[in-house]
Amino acid sequence: MLRFTDLLTSYPGNMDQTDLDALAEHFNEEQVIELTMAIATANWTNRMNDGLQVPMT
């Protein structure tokens, strides 16, 4: 899960089927989708806040 998170966050173009297969050993399809959505949402929120220079509170 940590490798998947790192790849999706920093190097999404380097992800391949083996990364999804590794997740499938521990999570079902619904959980993989939910995990991906959570990571993508966090990344999107961070990029929006960074891009708009929103101060951390």
PDB file of N, CA and C in Angstrom:
ATOM      1  N   MET A   1       0.821  -1.181   0.000  1.00  0.00           N
ATOM      2  CA  MET A   1       0.000   0.000   0.000  1.00  0.00           C
ATOM      3  C   MET A   1       0.877   1.261   0.000  1.00  0.00           C
ATOM      4  N   LEU A   2       1.953   1.224   0.752  1.00  0.00           N
ATOM      5  CA  LEU A   2       2.830   2.405   0.799  1.00  0.00           C
ATOM      6  C   LEU A   2       3.497   2.652  -0.550  1.00  0.00           C
ATOM      7  N   ARG A   3       3.938   1.574  -1.211  1.00  0.00           N
ATOM      8  CA  ARG A   3       4.537   1.738  -2.548  1.00  0.00           C
ATOM      9  C   ARG A   3       3.509   2.313  -3.515  1.00  0.00           C
ATOM     10  N   PHE A   4       2.291   1.793  -3.477  1.00  0.00           N
ATOM     11  CA  PHE A   4       1.223   2.276  -4.346  1.00  0.00           C
ATOM     12  C   PHE A   4       0.954   3.758  -4.074  1.00  0.00           C
ATOM     13  N   THR A   5       0.876   4.131  -2.813  1.00  0.00           N
ATOM     14  CA  THR A   5       0.655   5.528  -2.439  1.00  0.00           C
ATOM     15  C   THR A   5       1.770   6.420  -2.963  1.00  0.00           C
ATOM     16  N   ASP A   6       3.009   5.972  -2.779  1.00  0.00           N
ATOM     17  CA  ASP A   6       4.153   6.747  -3.262  1.00  0.00           C
ATOM     18  C   ASP A   6       4.120   6.893  -4.782  1.00  0.00           C
ATOM     19  N   LEU A   7       3.851   5.801  -5.482  1.00  0.00           N
ATOM     20  CA  LEU A   7       3.801   5.870  -6.944  1.00  0.00           C
ATOM     21  C   LEU A   7       2.678   6.778  -7.422  1.00  0.00           C
ATOM     22  N   LEU A   8       1.502   6.626  -6.860  1.00  0.00           N
ATOM     23  CA  LEU A   8       0.366   7.435  -7.294  1.00  0.00           C
ATOM     24  C   LEU A   8       0.591   8.912  -6.993  1.00  0.00           C
ATOM     25  N   THR A   9       1.303   9.190  -5.920  1.00  0.00           N
ATOM     26  CA  THR A   9       1.557  10.567  -5.524  1.00  0.00           C
ATOM     27  C   THR A   9       2.691  11.197  -6.326  1.00  0.00           C
ATOM     28  N   SER A  10       3.784  10.469  -6.484  1.00  0.00           N
ATOM     29  CA  SER A  10       4.991  11.053  -7.064  1.00  0.00           C
ATOM     30  C   SER A  10       5.294  10.637  -8.495  1.00  0.00           C
ATOM     31  N   TYR A  11       4.963   9.404  -8.839  1.00  0.00           N
ATOM     32  CA  TYR A  11       5.365   8.861 -10.141  1.00  0.00           C
ATOM     33  C   TYR A  11       4.246   8.032 -10.772  1.00  0.00           C
ATOM     34  N   PRO A  12       3.059   8.591 -10.970  1.00  0.00           N
ATOM     35  CA  PRO A  12       1.936   7.779 -11.465  1.00  0.00           C
ATOM     36  C   PRO A  12       2.206   7.130 -12.819  1.00  0.00           C
ATOM     37  N   GLY A  13       3.041   7.722 -13.631  1.00  0.00           N
ATOM     38  CA  GLY A  13       3.361   7.142 -14.926  1.00  0.00           C
ATOM     39  C   GLY A  13       4.206   5.882 -14.832  1.00  0.00           C
ATOM     40  N   ASN A  14       4.828   5.650 -13.681  1.00  0.00           N
ATOM     41  CA  ASN A  14       5.661   4.469 -13.492  1.00  0.00           C
ATOM     42  C   ASN A  14       4.884   3.279 -12.941  1.00  0.00           C
ATOM     43  N   MET A  15       3.608   3.474 -12.657  1.00  0.00           N
ATOM     44  CA  MET A  15       2.800   2.400 -12.115  1.00  0.00           C
ATOM     45  C   MET A  15       2.426   1.428 -13.229  1.00  0.00           C
ATOM     46  N   ASP A  16       2.425   0.133 -12.894  1.00  0.00           N
ATOM     47  CA  ASP A  16       1.995  -0.849 -13.878  1.00  0.00           C
ATOM     48  C   ASP A  16       1.125  -1.911 -13.217  1.00  0.00           C
ATOM     49  N   GLN A  17       0.749  -2.901 -13.965  1.00  0.00           N
ATOM     50  CA  GLN A  17      -0.187  -3.915 -13.484  1.00  0.00           C
ATOM     51  C   GLN A  17       0.344  -4.667 -12.267  1.00  0.00           C
ATOM     52  N   THR A  18       1.645  -4.833 -12.178  1.00  0.00           N
ATOM     53  CA  THR A  18       2.194  -5.557 -11.029  1.00  0.00           C
ATOM     54  C   THR A  18       1.930  -4.825  -9.714  1.00  0.00           C
ATOM     55  N   ASP A  19       1.861  -3.494  -9.778  1.00  0.00           N
ATOM     56  CA  ASP A  19       1.551  -2.723  -8.570  1.00  0.00           C
ATOM     57  C   ASP A  19       0.113  -2.971  -8.130  1.00  0.00           C
ATOM     58  N   LEU A  20      -0.793  -3.038  -9.082  1.00  0.00           N
ATOM     59  CA  LEU A  20      -2.187  -3.352  -8.751  1.00  0.00           C
ATOM     60  C   LEU A  20      -2.324  -4.800  -8.291  1.00  0.00           C
ATOM     61  N   ASP A  21      -1.578  -5.691  -8.902  1.00  0.00           N
ATOM     62  CA  ASP A  21      -1.612  -7.098  -8.493  1.00  0.00           C
ATOM     63  C   ASP A  21      -1.136  -7.257  -7.050  1.00  0.00           C
ATOM     64  N   ALA A  22      -0.123  -6.500  -6.672  1.00  0.00           N
ATOM     65  CA  ALA A  22       0.381  -6.558  -5.294  1.00  0.00           C
ATOM     66  C   ALA A  22      -0.691  -6.104  -4.309  1.00  0.00           C
ATOM     67  N   LEU A  23      -1.448  -5.077  -4.655  1.00  0.00           N
ATOM     68  CA  LEU A  23      -2.543  -4.627  -3.791  1.00  0.00           C
ATOM     69  C   LEU A  23      -3.632  -5.686  -3.700  1.00  0.00           C
ATOM     70  N   ALA A  24      -3.897  -6.360  -4.812  1.00  0.00           N
ATOM     71  CA  ALA A  24      -4.957  -7.366  -4.861  1.00  0.00           C
ATOM     72  C   ALA A  24      -4.668  -8.554  -3.943  1.00  0.00           C
ATOM     73  N   GLU A  25      -3.423  -8.718  -3.529  1.00  0.00           N
ATOM     74  CA  GLU A  25      -3.085  -9.782  -2.587  1.00  0.00           C
ATOM     75  C   GLU A  25      -3.629  -9.492  -1.192  1.00  0.00           C
ATOM     76  N   HIS A  26      -3.926  -8.216  -0.915  1.00  0.00           N
ATOM     77  CA  HIS A  26      -4.341  -7.806   0.426  1.00  0.00           C
ATOM     78  C   HIS A  26      -5.708  -7.116   0.466  1.00  0.00           C
ATOM     79  N   PHE A  27      -6.160  -6.605  -0.677  1.00  0.00           N
ATOM     80  CA  PHE A  27      -7.391  -5.835  -0.728  1.00  0.00           C
ATOM     81  C   PHE A  27      -8.273  -6.332  -1.865  1.00  0.00           C
ATOM     82  N   ASN A  28      -9.592  -6.235  -1.680  1.00  0.00           N
ATOM     83  CA  ASN A  28     -10.490  -6.578  -2.776  1.00  0.00           C
ATOM     84  C   ASN A  28     -10.617  -5.384  -3.719  1.00  0.00           C
ATOM     85  N   GLU A  29     -11.314  -5.576  -4.823  1.00  0.00           N
ATOM     86  CA  GLU A  29     -11.406  -4.526  -5.844  1.00  0.00           C
ATOM     87  C   GLU A  29     -12.015  -3.240  -5.297  1.00  0.00           C
ATOM     88  N   GLU A  30     -13.062  -3.359  -4.512  1.00  0.00           N
ATOM     89  CA  GLU A  30     -13.706  -2.169  -3.937  1.00  0.00           C
ATOM     90  C   GLU A  30     -12.742  -1.410  -3.031  1.00  0.00           C
ATOM     91  N   GLN A  31     -11.960  -2.114  -2.254  1.00  0.00           N
ATOM     92  CA  GLN A  31     -10.996  -1.469  -1.365  1.00  0.00           C
ATOM     93  C   GLN A  31      -9.881  -0.780  -2.149  1.00  0.00           C
ATOM     94  N   VAL A  32      -9.441  -1.391  -3.241  1.00  0.00           N
ATOM     95  CA  VAL A  32      -8.407  -0.769  -4.084  1.00  0.00           C
ATOM     96  C   VAL A  32      -8.946   0.523  -4.690  1.00  0.00           C
ATOM     97  N   ILE A  33     -10.185   0.501  -5.140  1.00  0.00           N
ATOM     98  CA  ILE A  33     -10.794   1.711  -5.709  1.00  0.00           C
ATOM     99  C   ILE A  33     -10.915   2.790  -4.639  1.00  0.00           C
ATOM    100  N   GLU A  34     -11.372   2.404  -3.462  1.00  0.00           N
ATOM    101  CA  GLU A  34     -11.514   3.367  -2.368  1.00  0.00           C
ATOM    102  C   GLU A  34     -10.161   3.941  -1.955  1.00  0.00           C
ATOM    103  N   LEU A  35      -9.147   3.094  -1.884  1.00  0.00           N
ATOM    104  CA  LEU A  35      -7.798   3.551  -1.556  1.00  0.00           C
ATOM    105  C   LEU A  35      -7.295   4.538  -2.601  1.00  0.00           C
ATOM    106  N   THR A  36      -7.478   4.205  -3.866  1.00  0.00           N
ATOM    107  CA  THR A  36      -7.044   5.077  -4.953  1.00  0.00           C
ATOM    108  C   THR A  36      -7.754   6.421  -4.891  1.00  0.00           C
ATOM    109  N   MET A  37      -9.043   6.398  -4.623  1.00  0.00           N
ATOM    110  CA  MET A  37      -9.806   7.654  -4.515  1.00  0.00           C
ATOM    111  C   MET A  37      -9.315   8.495  -3.343  1.00  0.00           C
ATOM    112  N   ALA A  38      -9.020   7.868  -2.213  1.00  0.00           N
ATOM    113  CA  ALA A  38      -8.535   8.609  -1.042  1.00  0.00           C
ATOM    114  C   ALA A  38      -7.177   9.247  -1.321  1.00  0.00           C
ATOM    115  N   ILE A  39      -6.279   8.496  -1.946  1.00  0.00           N
ATOM    116  CA  ILE A  39      -4.950   9.026  -2.271  1.00  0.00           C
ATOM    117  C   ILE A  39      -5.064  10.165  -3.279  1.00  0.00           C
ATOM    118  N   ALA A  40      -5.856   9.962  -4.329  1.00  0.00           N
ATOM    119  CA  ALA A  40      -6.012  10.982  -5.367  1.00  0.00           C
ATOM    120  C   ALA A  40      -6.649  12.246  -4.802  1.00  0.00           C
ATOM    121  N   THR A  41      -7.620  12.093  -3.914  1.00  0.00           N
ATOM    122  CA  THR A  41      -8.281  13.257  -3.319  1.00  0.00           C
ATOM    123  C   THR A  41      -7.308  14.042  -2.443  1.00  0.00           C
ATOM    124  N   ALA A  42      -6.516  13.329  -1.648  1.00  0.00           N
ATOM    125  CA  ALA A  42      -5.515  14.003  -0.810  1.00  0.00           C
ATOM    126  C   ALA A  42      -4.501  14.736  -1.672  1.00  0.00           C
ATOM    127  N   ASN A  43      -4.063  14.093  -2.756  1.00  0.00           N
ATOM    128  CA  ASN A  43      -3.105  14.744  -3.658  1.00  0.00           C
ATOM    129  C   ASN A  43      -3.713  15.979  -4.304  1.00  0.00           C
ATOM    130  N   TRP A  44      -4.953  15.875  -4.750  1.00  0.00           N
ATOM    131  CA  TRP A  44      -5.621  17.010  -5.389  1.00  0.00           C
ATOM    132  C   TRP A  44      -5.752  18.169  -4.397  1.00  0.00           C
ATOM    133  N   THR A  45      -6.176  17.859  -3.176  1.00  0.00           N
ATOM    134  CA  THR A  45      -6.331  18.895  -2.155  1.00  0.00           C
ATOM    135  C   THR A  45      -4.996  19.573  -1.868  1.00  0.00           C
ATOM    136  N   ASN A  46      -3.937  18.793  -1.737  1.00  0.00           N
ATOM    137  CA  ASN A  46      -2.621  19.370  -1.481  1.00  0.00           C
ATOM    138  C   ASN A  46      -2.165  20.263  -2.618  1.00  0.00           C
ATOM    139  N   ARG A  47      -2.383  19.836  -3.847  1.00  0.00           N
ATOM    140  CA  ARG A  47      -1.960  20.645  -4.995  1.00  0.00           C
ATOM    141  C   ARG A  47      -2.771  21.938  -5.096  1.00  0.00           C
ATOM    142  N   MET A  48      -4.053  21.870  -4.802  1.00  0.00           N
ATOM    143  CA  MET A  48      -4.880  23.086  -4.809  1.00  0.00           C
ATOM    144  C   MET A  48      -4.382  24.059  -3.743  1.00  0.00           C
ATOM    145  N   ASN A  49      -4.175  23.560  -2.538  1.00  0.00           N
ATOM    146  CA  ASN A  49      -3.722  24.420  -1.457  1.00  0.00           C
ATOM    147  C   ASN A  49      -2.328  24.999  -1.738  1.00  0.00           C
ATOM    148  N   ASP A  50      -1.441  24.161  -2.254  1.00  0.00           N
ATOM    149  CA  ASP A  50      -0.101  24.661  -2.601  1.00  0.00           C
ATOM    150  C   ASP A  50      -0.165  25.685  -3.725  1.00  0.00           C
ATOM    151  N   GLY A  51      -0.951  25.394  -4.734  1.00  0.00           N
ATOM    152  CA  GLY A  51      -1.062  26.297  -5.891  1.00  0.00           C
ATOM    153  C   GLY A  51      -1.643  27.647  -5.524  1.00  0.00           C
ATOM    154  N   LEU A  52      -2.562  27.643  -4.566  1.00  0.00           N
ATOM    155  CA  LEU A  52      -3.181  28.904  -4.144  1.00  0.00           C
ATOM    156  C   LEU A  52      -2.503  29.502  -2.921  1.00  0.00           C
ATOM    157  N   GLN A  53      -1.442  28.854  -2.470  1.00  0.00           N
ATOM    158  CA  GLN A  53      -0.683  29.287  -1.295  1.00  0.00           C
ATOM    159  C   GLN A  53      -1.592  29.517  -0.093  1.00  0.00           C
ATOM    160  N   VAL A  54      -2.472  28.555   0.134  1.00  0.00           N
ATOM    161  CA  VAL A  54      -3.367  28.596   1.294  1.00  0.00           C
ATOM    162  C   VAL A  54      -2.530  28.360   2.531  1.00  0.00           C
ATOM    163  N   PRO A  55      -2.595  29.259   3.516  1.00  0.00           N
ATOM    164  CA  PRO A  55      -1.786  29.078   4.727  1.00  0.00           C
ATOM    165  C   PRO A  55      -2.281  27.886   5.542  1.00  0.00           C
ATOM    166  N   MET A  56      -1.340  27.196   6.140  1.00  0.00           N
ATOM    167  CA  MET A  56      -1.703  26.084   7.025  1.00  0.00           C
ATOM    168  C   MET A  56      -2.170  26.664   8.338  1.00  0.00           C
ATOM    169  N   THR A  57      -3.246  26.098   8.865  1.00  0.00           N
ATOM    170  CA  THR A  57      -3.741  26.603  10.158  1.00  0.00           C
ATOM    171  C   THR A  57      -3.674  25.545  11.207  1.00  0.00           C
TER     172      THR A  57
END
